[in-house]
Protein backbone atom coordinates (compact mmCIF):
# COMPACT_ATOMS: atom_id res chain seq x y z
CA UNK A 1 0.00 0.00 0.00
CA UNK A 2 1.08 3.58 -0.68
CA UNK A 3 -0.05 6.29 1.73
CA UNK A 4 0.01 9.71 0.11
CA UNK A 5 0.54 12.92 2.04
CA UNK A 6 -2.36 15.25 2.76
CA UNK A 7 -1.10 18.16 0.67
CA UNK A 8 -3.93 20.03 -1.03
CA UNK A 9 -4.99 18.69 -4.43
CA UNK A 10 -7.01 21.36 -6.19
CA UNK A 11 -10.30 20.63 -7.92
CA UNK A 12 -10.01 18.76 -11.22
CA UNK A 13 -6.21 18.60 -10.85
CA UNK A 14 -3.86 15.66 -11.50
CA UNK A 15 -0.68 14.89 -9.59
CA UNK A 16 1.78 12.16 -10.55
CA UNK A 17 4.72 10.34 -8.98
CA UNK A 18 7.04 7.46 -9.83
CA UNK A 19 6.60 4.19 -7.95
CA UNK A 20 9.86 2.22 -8.13
CA UNK A 21 9.70 -1.57 -8.05
CA UNK A 22 12.27 -3.78 -9.77
CA UNK A 23 9.58 -6.43 -10.45
CA UNK A 24 7.72 -4.16 -12.90
CA UNK A 25 8.38 -4.61 -16.63
CA UNK A 26 7.26 -2.23 -19.35
CA UNK A 27 4.92 -4.92 -20.72
CA UNK A 28 3.17 -5.57 -17.38
CA UNK A 29 -0.27 -4.38 -16.40
CA UNK A 30 -0.17 -2.20 -13.28
CA UNK A 31 -3.45 -1.60 -11.48
CA UNK A 32 -3.63 1.09 -8.83
CA UNK A 33 -6.80 1.72 -6.82
CA UNK A 34 -7.91 4.06 -4.04
CA UNK A 35 -8.05 1.57 -1.18
CA UNK A 36 -8.94 3.58 1.93
CA UNK A 37 -8.91 6.92 3.74
CA UNK A 38 -10.32 10.02 2.13
CA UNK A 39 -13.50 10.58 0.20
CA UNK A 40 -14.73 7.49 -1.65
CA UNK A 41 -15.20 8.10 -5.38
CA UNK A 42 -13.44 11.47 -5.32
CA UNK A 43 -10.29 10.29 -7.09
CA UNK A 44 -9.30 8.68 -10.39
CA UNK A 45 -6.08 6.68 -10.22
CA UNK A 46 -4.01 5.39 -13.17
CA UNK A 47 -0.67 3.61 -13.49
CA UNK A 48 1.65 3.61 -16.49
CA UNK A 49 4.32 0.86 -16.35
CA UNK A 50 7.95 1.21 -17.35
CA UNK A 51 11.12 -0.77 -16.73
CA UNK A 52 11.48 -1.06 -12.94
CA UNK A 53 8.83 1.52 -12.12
CA UNK A 54 5.37 2.87 -12.85
CA UNK A 55 4.14 6.45 -13.01
CA UNK A 56 1.00 6.76 -10.90
CA UNK A 57 -1.39 9.64 -11.43
CA UNK A 58 -4.13 10.73 -9.04
CA UNK A 59 -6.90 13.12 -10.10
CA UNK A 60 -9.27 15.03 -7.84
CA UNK A 61 -12.67 14.61 -9.54
CA UNK A 62 -14.59 16.89 -7.19
CA UNK A 63 -15.63 20.52 -7.50
CA UNK A 64 -13.57 21.43 -4.42
CA UNK A 65 -10.04 21.14 -3.10
CA UNK A 66 -9.11 18.02 -1.11
CA UNK A 67 -6.39 17.52 1.52
CA UNK A 68 -6.58 13.81 2.32
CA UNK A 69 -3.82 11.26 2.92
CA UNK A 70 -5.40 8.58 0.75
CA UNK A 71 -4.12 5.00 0.65
CA UNK A 72 -3.47 3.38 -2.73
CA UNK A 73 -3.16 -0.34 -3.51
CA UNK A 74 -0.86 -1.41 -6.36
CA UNK A 75 -1.19 -4.74 -8.19
CA UNK A 76 1.24 -5.90 -10.89
CA UNK A 77 0.06 -8.47 -13.43
CA UNK A 78 2.97 -10.01 -15.30
CA UNK A 79 2.43 -10.03 -19.06
CA UNK A 80 4.34 -9.99 -22.32
CA UNK A 81 3.82 -8.42 -25.72
CA UNK A 82 3.04 -11.02 -28.36
PDB file of N, CA and C in Angstrom:
ATOM      1  N   UNK A   1       0.839  -1.184   0.000  1.00  0.00           N
ATOM      2  CA  UNK A   1       0.000   0.000   0.000  1.00  0.00           C
ATOM      3  C   UNK A   1       0.884   1.247   0.000  1.00  0.00           C
ATOM      4  N   UNK A   2       0.388   2.283  -0.641  1.00  0.00           N
ATOM      5  CA  UNK A   2       1.079   3.575  -0.685  1.00  0.00           C
ATOM      6  C   UNK A   2       0.191   4.579   0.019  1.00  0.00           C
ATOM      7  N   UNK A   3       0.701   5.233   1.053  1.00  0.00           N
ATOM      8  CA  UNK A   3      -0.047   6.290   1.728  1.00  0.00           C
ATOM      9  C   UNK A   3       0.484   7.629   1.240  1.00  0.00           C
ATOM     10  N   UNK A   4      -0.379   8.400   0.618  1.00  0.00           N
ATOM     11  CA  UNK A   4       0.012   9.709   0.107  1.00  0.00           C
ATOM     12  C   UNK A   4      -0.016  10.727   1.243  1.00  0.00           C
ATOM     13  N   UNK A   5       0.614  11.867   1.028  1.00  0.00           N
ATOM     14  CA  UNK A   5       0.536  12.922   2.042  1.00  0.00           C
ATOM     15  C   UNK A   5      -0.772  13.687   1.867  1.00  0.00           C
ATOM     16  N   UNK A   6      -1.084  14.536   2.807  1.00  0.00           N
ATOM     17  CA  UNK A   6      -2.365  15.248   2.764  1.00  0.00           C
ATOM     18  C   UNK A   6      -2.230  16.659   2.200  1.00  0.00           C
ATOM     19  N   UNK A   7      -1.250  16.866   1.323  1.00  0.00           N
ATOM     20  CA  UNK A   7      -1.099  18.155   0.665  1.00  0.00           C
ATOM     21  C   UNK A   7      -2.326  18.427  -0.201  1.00  0.00           C
ATOM     22  N   UNK A   8      -2.725  19.677  -0.294  1.00  0.00           N
ATOM     23  CA  UNK A   8      -3.934  20.027  -1.032  1.00  0.00           C
ATOM     24  C   UNK A   8      -3.820  19.656  -2.501  1.00  0.00           C
ATOM     25  N   UNK A   9      -4.857  18.992  -3.008  1.00  0.00           N
ATOM     26  CA  UNK A   9      -4.987  18.689  -4.427  1.00  0.00           C
ATOM     27  C   UNK A   9      -6.196  19.478  -4.918  1.00  0.00           C
ATOM     28  N   UNK A  10      -5.942  20.469  -5.750  1.00  0.00           N
ATOM     29  CA  UNK A  10      -7.006  21.359  -6.195  1.00  0.00           C
ATOM     30  C   UNK A  10      -8.034  20.630  -7.052  1.00  0.00           C
ATOM     31  N   UNK A  11      -9.218  21.224  -7.151  1.00  0.00           N
ATOM     32  CA  UNK A  11     -10.296  20.633  -7.918  1.00  0.00           C
ATOM     33  C   UNK A  11      -9.865  20.350  -9.346  1.00  0.00           C
ATOM     34  N   UNK A  12     -10.264  19.182  -9.847  1.00  0.00           N
ATOM     35  CA  UNK A  12     -10.012  18.757 -11.223  1.00  0.00           C
ATOM     36  C   UNK A  12      -8.533  18.813 -11.604  1.00  0.00           C
ATOM     37  N   UNK A  13      -7.647  18.553 -10.633  1.00  0.00           N
ATOM     38  CA  UNK A  13      -6.205  18.598 -10.849  1.00  0.00           C
ATOM     39  C   UNK A  13      -5.619  17.196 -10.738  1.00  0.00           C
ATOM     40  N   UNK A  14      -4.558  16.950 -11.515  1.00  0.00           N
ATOM     41  CA  UNK A  14      -3.860  15.665 -11.498  1.00  0.00           C
ATOM     42  C   UNK A  14      -2.463  15.862 -10.931  1.00  0.00           C
ATOM     43  N   UNK A  15      -2.058  14.945 -10.058  1.00  0.00           N
ATOM     44  CA  UNK A  15      -0.679  14.892  -9.590  1.00  0.00           C
ATOM     45  C   UNK A  15      -0.131  13.517  -9.953  1.00  0.00           C
ATOM     46  N   UNK A  16       1.178  13.434 -10.157  1.00  0.00           N
ATOM     47  CA  UNK A  16       1.780  12.156 -10.548  1.00  0.00           C
ATOM     48  C   UNK A  16       3.095  11.952  -9.805  1.00  0.00           C
ATOM     49  N   UNK A  17       3.445  10.683  -9.602  1.00  0.00           N
ATOM     50  CA  UNK A  17       4.719  10.342  -8.976  1.00  0.00           C
ATOM     51  C   UNK A  17       5.180   9.001  -9.520  1.00  0.00           C
ATOM     52  N   UNK A  18       6.476   8.723  -9.367  1.00  0.00           N
ATOM     53  CA  UNK A  18       7.041   7.464  -9.833  1.00  0.00           C
ATOM     54  C   UNK A  18       7.127   6.481  -8.681  1.00  0.00           C
ATOM     55  N   UNK A  19       6.561   5.299  -8.893  1.00  0.00           N
ATOM     56  CA  UNK A  19       6.598   4.193  -7.946  1.00  0.00           C
ATOM     57  C   UNK A  19       7.664   3.230  -8.452  1.00  0.00           C
ATOM     58  N   UNK A  20       8.753   3.082  -7.712  1.00  0.00           N
ATOM     59  CA  UNK A  20       9.861   2.223  -8.129  1.00  0.00           C
ATOM     60  C   UNK A  20       9.694   0.824  -7.554  1.00  0.00           C
ATOM     61  N   UNK A  21       9.779  -0.182  -8.452  1.00  0.00           N
ATOM     62  CA  UNK A  21       9.698  -1.575  -8.048  1.00  0.00           C
ATOM     63  C   UNK A  21      10.387  -2.391  -9.132  1.00  0.00           C
ATOM     64  N   UNK A  22      11.470  -3.060  -8.780  1.00  0.00           N
ATOM     65  CA  UNK A  22      12.272  -3.785  -9.771  1.00  0.00           C
ATOM     66  C   UNK A  22      11.516  -4.940 -10.420  1.00  0.00           C
ATOM     67  N   UNK A  23      10.372  -5.341  -9.878  1.00  0.00           N
ATOM     68  CA  UNK A  23       9.581  -6.435 -10.455  1.00  0.00           C
ATOM     69  C   UNK A  23       8.713  -5.973 -11.626  1.00  0.00           C
ATOM     70  N   UNK A  24       8.587  -4.674 -11.848  1.00  0.00           N
ATOM     71  CA  UNK A  24       7.719  -4.158 -12.904  1.00  0.00           C
ATOM     72  C   UNK A  24       8.481  -4.122 -14.229  1.00  0.00           C
ATOM     73  N   UNK A  25       7.849  -4.686 -15.266  1.00  0.00           N
ATOM     74  CA  UNK A  25       8.384  -4.611 -16.626  1.00  0.00           C
ATOM     75  C   UNK A  25       7.483  -3.695 -17.450  1.00  0.00           C
ATOM     76  N   UNK A  26       8.017  -3.148 -18.508  1.00  0.00           N
ATOM     77  CA  UNK A  26       7.256  -2.227 -19.351  1.00  0.00           C
ATOM     78  C   UNK A  26       6.031  -2.883 -19.974  1.00  0.00           C
ATOM     79  N   UNK A  27       6.048  -4.205 -20.113  1.00  0.00           N
ATOM     80  CA  UNK A  27       4.925  -4.922 -20.719  1.00  0.00           C
ATOM     81  C   UNK A  27       3.862  -5.370 -19.709  1.00  0.00           C
ATOM     82  N   UNK A  28       4.111  -5.144 -18.426  1.00  0.00           N
ATOM     83  CA  UNK A  28       3.173  -5.572 -17.385  1.00  0.00           C
ATOM     84  C   UNK A  28       1.941  -4.673 -17.339  1.00  0.00           C
ATOM     85  N   UNK A  29       0.915  -5.176 -16.696  1.00  0.00           N
ATOM     86  CA  UNK A  29      -0.269  -4.382 -16.396  1.00  0.00           C
ATOM     87  C   UNK A  29      -0.188  -3.985 -14.929  1.00  0.00           C
ATOM     88  N   UNK A  30      -0.230  -2.697 -14.659  1.00  0.00           N
ATOM     89  CA  UNK A  30      -0.174  -2.200 -13.284  1.00  0.00           C
ATOM     90  C   UNK A  30      -1.524  -1.576 -12.963  1.00  0.00           C
ATOM     91  N   UNK A  31      -2.150  -2.094 -11.916  1.00  0.00           N
ATOM     92  CA  UNK A  31      -3.449  -1.601 -11.480  1.00  0.00           C
ATOM     93  C   UNK A  31      -3.253  -0.891 -10.148  1.00  0.00           C
ATOM     94  N   UNK A  32      -3.749   0.323 -10.071  1.00  0.00           N
ATOM     95  CA  UNK A  32      -3.632   1.093  -8.834  1.00  0.00           C
ATOM     96  C   UNK A  32      -5.028   1.594  -8.476  1.00  0.00           C
ATOM     97  N   UNK A  33      -5.461   1.329  -7.251  1.00  0.00           N
ATOM     98  CA  UNK A  33      -6.799   1.720  -6.816  1.00  0.00           C
ATOM     99  C   UNK A  33      -6.735   2.510  -5.518  1.00  0.00           C
ATOM    100  N   UNK A  34      -7.740   3.328  -5.305  1.00  0.00           N
ATOM    101  CA  UNK A  34      -7.907   4.060  -4.044  1.00  0.00           C
ATOM    102  C   UNK A  34      -8.494   3.066  -3.045  1.00  0.00           C
ATOM    103  N   UNK A  35      -7.663   2.631  -2.108  1.00  0.00           N
ATOM    104  CA  UNK A  35      -8.055   1.573  -1.184  1.00  0.00           C
ATOM    105  C   UNK A  35      -8.816   2.070   0.042  1.00  0.00           C
ATOM    106  N   UNK A  36      -8.302   3.116   0.692  1.00  0.00           N
ATOM    107  CA  UNK A  36      -8.935   3.576   1.928  1.00  0.00           C
ATOM    108  C   UNK A  36      -8.514   5.009   2.245  1.00  0.00           C
ATOM    109  N   UNK A  37      -9.107   5.532   3.272  1.00  0.00           N
ATOM    110  CA  UNK A  37      -8.913   6.917   3.736  1.00  0.00           C
ATOM    111  C   UNK A  37      -9.395   7.887   2.667  1.00  0.00           C
ATOM    112  N   UNK A  38      -9.856   9.017   3.082  1.00  0.00           N
ATOM    113  CA  UNK A  38     -10.323  10.024   2.132  1.00  0.00           C
ATOM    114  C   UNK A  38     -11.731   9.767   1.643  1.00  0.00           C
ATOM    115  N   UNK A  39     -12.151  10.605   0.728  1.00  0.00           N
ATOM    116  CA  UNK A  39     -13.504  10.582   0.203  1.00  0.00           C
ATOM    117  C   UNK A  39     -13.639   9.526  -0.891  1.00  0.00           C
ATOM    118  N   UNK A  40     -14.505   8.564  -0.680  1.00  0.00           N
ATOM    119  CA  UNK A  40     -14.726   7.491  -1.650  1.00  0.00           C
ATOM    120  C   UNK A  40     -15.291   8.057  -2.949  1.00  0.00           C
ATOM    121  N   UNK A  41     -14.723   7.658  -4.078  1.00  0.00           N
ATOM    122  CA  UNK A  41     -15.197   8.096  -5.381  1.00  0.00           C
ATOM    123  C   UNK A  41     -14.700   9.454  -5.824  1.00  0.00           C
ATOM    124  N   UNK A  42     -13.905  10.117  -4.995  1.00  0.00           N
ATOM    125  CA  UNK A  42     -13.443  11.470  -5.321  1.00  0.00           C
ATOM    126  C   UNK A  42     -12.202  11.488  -6.206  1.00  0.00           C
ATOM    127  N   UNK A  43     -11.567  10.340  -6.384  1.00  0.00           N
ATOM    128  CA  UNK A  43     -10.290  10.293  -7.093  1.00  0.00           C
ATOM    129  C   UNK A  43     -10.336   9.297  -8.245  1.00  0.00           C
ATOM    130  N   UNK A  44      -9.602   9.629  -9.319  1.00  0.00           N
ATOM    131  CA  UNK A  44      -9.299   8.677 -10.386  1.00  0.00           C
ATOM    132  C   UNK A  44      -7.816   8.372 -10.269  1.00  0.00           C
ATOM    133  N   UNK A  45      -7.473   7.092 -10.367  1.00  0.00           N
ATOM    134  CA  UNK A  45      -6.077   6.679 -10.219  1.00  0.00           C
ATOM    135  C   UNK A  45      -5.686   5.844 -11.431  1.00  0.00           C
ATOM    136  N   UNK A  46      -4.525   6.145 -12.024  1.00  0.00           N
ATOM    137  CA  UNK A  46      -4.009   5.395 -13.167  1.00  0.00           C
ATOM    138  C   UNK A  46      -2.549   5.060 -12.935  1.00  0.00           C
ATOM    139  N   UNK A  47      -2.087   3.992 -13.569  1.00  0.00           N
ATOM    140  CA  UNK A  47      -0.672   3.605 -13.486  1.00  0.00           C
ATOM    141  C   UNK A  47      -0.165   3.294 -14.881  1.00  0.00           C
ATOM    142  N   UNK A  48       1.032   3.784 -15.186  1.00  0.00           N
ATOM    143  CA  UNK A  48       1.651   3.614 -16.491  1.00  0.00           C
ATOM    144  C   UNK A  48       2.998   2.922 -16.290  1.00  0.00           C
ATOM    145  N   UNK A  49       3.112   1.622 -16.644  1.00  0.00           N
ATOM    146  CA  UNK A  49       4.324   0.858 -16.347  1.00  0.00           C
ATOM    147  C   UNK A  49       5.514   1.236 -17.224  1.00  0.00           C
ATOM    148  N   UNK A  50       6.685   1.052 -16.642  1.00  0.00           N
ATOM    149  CA  UNK A  50       7.949   1.209 -17.349  1.00  0.00           C
ATOM    150  C   UNK A  50       8.879   0.124 -16.856  1.00  0.00           C
ATOM    151  N   UNK A  51      10.150   0.212 -17.182  1.00  0.00           N
ATOM    152  CA  UNK A  51      11.124  -0.769 -16.728  1.00  0.00           C
ATOM    153  C   UNK A  51      11.531  -0.430 -15.294  1.00  0.00           C
ATOM    154  N   UNK A  52      11.120  -1.256 -14.341  1.00  0.00           N
ATOM    155  CA  UNK A  52      11.484  -1.064 -12.938  1.00  0.00           C
ATOM    156  C   UNK A  52      10.700  -0.004 -12.196  1.00  0.00           C
ATOM    157  N   UNK A  53       9.629   0.505 -12.803  1.00  0.00           N
ATOM    158  CA  UNK A  53       8.830   1.522 -12.124  1.00  0.00           C
ATOM    159  C   UNK A  53       7.498   1.704 -12.843  1.00  0.00           C
ATOM    160  N   UNK A  54       6.631   2.474 -12.231  1.00  0.00           N
ATOM    161  CA  UNK A  54       5.372   2.874 -12.849  1.00  0.00           C
ATOM    162  C   UNK A  54       5.102   4.318 -12.439  1.00  0.00           C
ATOM    163  N   UNK A  55       4.576   5.089 -13.345  1.00  0.00           N
ATOM    164  CA  UNK A  55       4.137   6.446 -13.011  1.00  0.00           C
ATOM    165  C   UNK A  55       2.671   6.345 -12.615  1.00  0.00           C
ATOM    166  N   UNK A  56       2.360   6.817 -11.426  1.00  0.00           N
ATOM    167  CA  UNK A  56       0.999   6.759 -10.900  1.00  0.00           C
ATOM    168  C   UNK A  56       0.444   8.176 -10.877  1.00  0.00           C
ATOM    169  N   UNK A  57      -0.744   8.337 -11.448  1.00  0.00           N
ATOM    170  CA  UNK A  57      -1.395   9.644 -11.434  1.00  0.00           C
ATOM    171  C   UNK A  57      -2.680   9.561 -10.614  1.00  0.00           C
ATOM    172  N   UNK A  58      -2.938  10.628  -9.884  1.00  0.00           N
ATOM    173  CA  UNK A  58      -4.128  10.728  -9.044  1.00  0.00           C
ATOM    174  C   UNK A  58      -4.832  12.028  -9.407  1.00  0.00           C
ATOM    175  N   UNK A  59      -6.119  11.943  -9.713  1.00  0.00           N
ATOM    176  CA  UNK A  59      -6.901  13.125 -10.099  1.00  0.00           C
ATOM    177  C   UNK A  59      -8.005  13.365  -9.090  1.00  0.00           C
ATOM    178  N   UNK A  60      -8.159  14.609  -8.689  1.00  0.00           N
ATOM    179  CA  UNK A  60      -9.267  15.032  -7.839  1.00  0.00           C
ATOM    180  C   UNK A  60     -10.451  15.304  -8.759  1.00  0.00           C
ATOM    181  N   UNK A  61     -11.497  14.485  -8.674  1.00  0.00           N
ATOM    182  CA  UNK A  61     -12.668  14.613  -9.542  1.00  0.00           C
ATOM    183  C   UNK A  61     -13.746  15.530  -8.987  1.00  0.00           C
ATOM    184  N   UNK A  62     -13.534  16.104  -7.837  1.00  0.00           N
ATOM    185  CA  UNK A  62     -14.588  16.888  -7.191  1.00  0.00           C
ATOM    186  C   UNK A  62     -14.551  18.349  -7.620  1.00  0.00           C
ATOM    187  N   UNK A  63     -15.552  19.086  -7.202  1.00  0.00           N
ATOM    188  CA  UNK A  63     -15.634  20.520  -7.498  1.00  0.00           C
ATOM    189  C   UNK A  63     -14.984  21.357  -6.402  1.00  0.00           C
ATOM    190  N   UNK A  64     -14.253  20.707  -5.487  1.00  0.00           N
ATOM    191  CA  UNK A  64     -13.574  21.427  -4.416  1.00  0.00           C
ATOM    192  C   UNK A  64     -12.173  20.874  -4.194  1.00  0.00           C
ATOM    193  N   UNK A  65     -11.388  21.598  -3.429  1.00  0.00           N
ATOM    194  CA  UNK A  65     -10.037  21.144  -3.101  1.00  0.00           C
ATOM    195  C   UNK A  65     -10.095  20.070  -2.020  1.00  0.00           C
ATOM    196  N   UNK A  66      -9.178  19.095  -2.102  1.00  0.00           N
ATOM    197  CA  UNK A  66      -9.110  18.022  -1.108  1.00  0.00           C
ATOM    198  C   UNK A  66      -7.723  17.969  -0.491  1.00  0.00           C
ATOM    199  N   UNK A  67      -7.660  17.692   0.800  1.00  0.00           N
ATOM    200  CA  UNK A  67      -6.388  17.520   1.523  1.00  0.00           C
ATOM    201  C   UNK A  67      -6.482  16.249   2.344  1.00  0.00           C
ATOM    202  N   UNK A  68      -6.388  15.104   1.660  1.00  0.00           N
ATOM    203  CA  UNK A  68      -6.578  13.813   2.315  1.00  0.00           C
ATOM    204  C   UNK A  68      -5.378  12.913   2.042  1.00  0.00           C
ATOM    205  N   UNK A  69      -4.922  12.219   3.072  1.00  0.00           N
ATOM    206  CA  UNK A  69      -3.823  11.256   2.924  1.00  0.00           C
ATOM    207  C   UNK A  69      -4.421   9.918   2.513  1.00  0.00           C
ATOM    208  N   UNK A  70      -4.751   9.797   1.214  1.00  0.00           N
ATOM    209  CA  UNK A  70      -5.396   8.580   0.746  1.00  0.00           C
ATOM    210  C   UNK A  70      -4.399   7.425   0.669  1.00  0.00           C
ATOM    211  N   UNK A  71      -4.930   6.216   0.732  1.00  0.00           N
ATOM    212  CA  UNK A  71      -4.115   5.005   0.646  1.00  0.00           C
ATOM    213  C   UNK A  71      -4.412   4.329  -0.686  1.00  0.00           C
ATOM    214  N   UNK A  72      -3.347   4.029  -1.434  1.00  0.00           N
ATOM    215  CA  UNK A  72      -3.465   3.376  -2.732  1.00  0.00           C
ATOM    216  C   UNK A  72      -2.984   1.941  -2.638  1.00  0.00           C
ATOM    217  N   UNK A  73      -3.591   1.059  -3.421  1.00  0.00           N
ATOM    218  CA  UNK A  73      -3.162  -0.338  -3.514  1.00  0.00           C
ATOM    219  C   UNK A  73      -2.657  -0.560  -4.935  1.00  0.00           C
ATOM    220  N   UNK A  74      -1.465  -1.148  -5.056  1.00  0.00           N
ATOM    221  CA  UNK A  74      -0.855  -1.414  -6.358  1.00  0.00           C
ATOM    222  C   UNK A  74      -0.795  -2.913  -6.601  1.00  0.00           C
ATOM    223  N   UNK A  75      -1.246  -3.344  -7.784  1.00  0.00           N
ATOM    224  CA  UNK A  75      -1.189  -4.742  -8.194  1.00  0.00           C
ATOM    225  C   UNK A  75      -0.474  -4.815  -9.532  1.00  0.00           C
ATOM    226  N   UNK A  76       0.502  -5.711  -9.637  1.00  0.00           N
ATOM    227  CA  UNK A  76       1.238  -5.896 -10.888  1.00  0.00           C
ATOM    228  C   UNK A  76       0.868  -7.247 -11.472  1.00  0.00           C
ATOM    229  N   UNK A  77       0.392  -7.247 -12.706  1.00  0.00           N
ATOM    230  CA  UNK A  77       0.064  -8.467 -13.426  1.00  0.00           C
ATOM    231  C   UNK A  77       1.146  -8.652 -14.484  1.00  0.00           C
ATOM    232  N   UNK A  78       1.879  -9.743 -14.359  1.00  0.00           N
ATOM    233  CA  UNK A  78       2.968 -10.012 -15.297  1.00  0.00           C
ATOM    234  C   UNK A  78       2.383 -10.376 -16.657  1.00  0.00           C
ATOM    235  N   UNK A  79       2.898  -9.737 -17.714  1.00  0.00           N
ATOM    236  CA  UNK A  79       2.429 -10.031 -19.061  1.00  0.00           C
ATOM    237  C   UNK A  79       3.547  -9.750 -20.054  1.00  0.00           C
ATOM    238  N   UNK A  80       3.362 -10.205 -21.267  1.00  0.00           N
ATOM    239  CA  UNK A  80       4.344  -9.989 -22.324  1.00  0.00           C
ATOM    240  C   UNK A  80       3.625  -9.486 -23.567  1.00  0.00           C
ATOM    241  N   UNK A  81       4.377  -8.837 -24.425  1.00  0.00           N
ATOM    242  CA  UNK A  81       3.817  -8.417 -25.721  1.00  0.00           C
ATOM    243  C   UNK A  81       4.003  -9.551 -26.703  1.00  0.00           C
ATOM    244  N   UNK A  82       2.942  -9.904 -27.400  1.00  0.00           N
ATOM    245  CA  UNK A  82       3.042 -11.020 -28.357  1.00  0.00           C
ATOM    246  C   UNK A  82       3.079 -10.494 -29.773  1.00  0.00           C
TER     247      UNK A  82
END
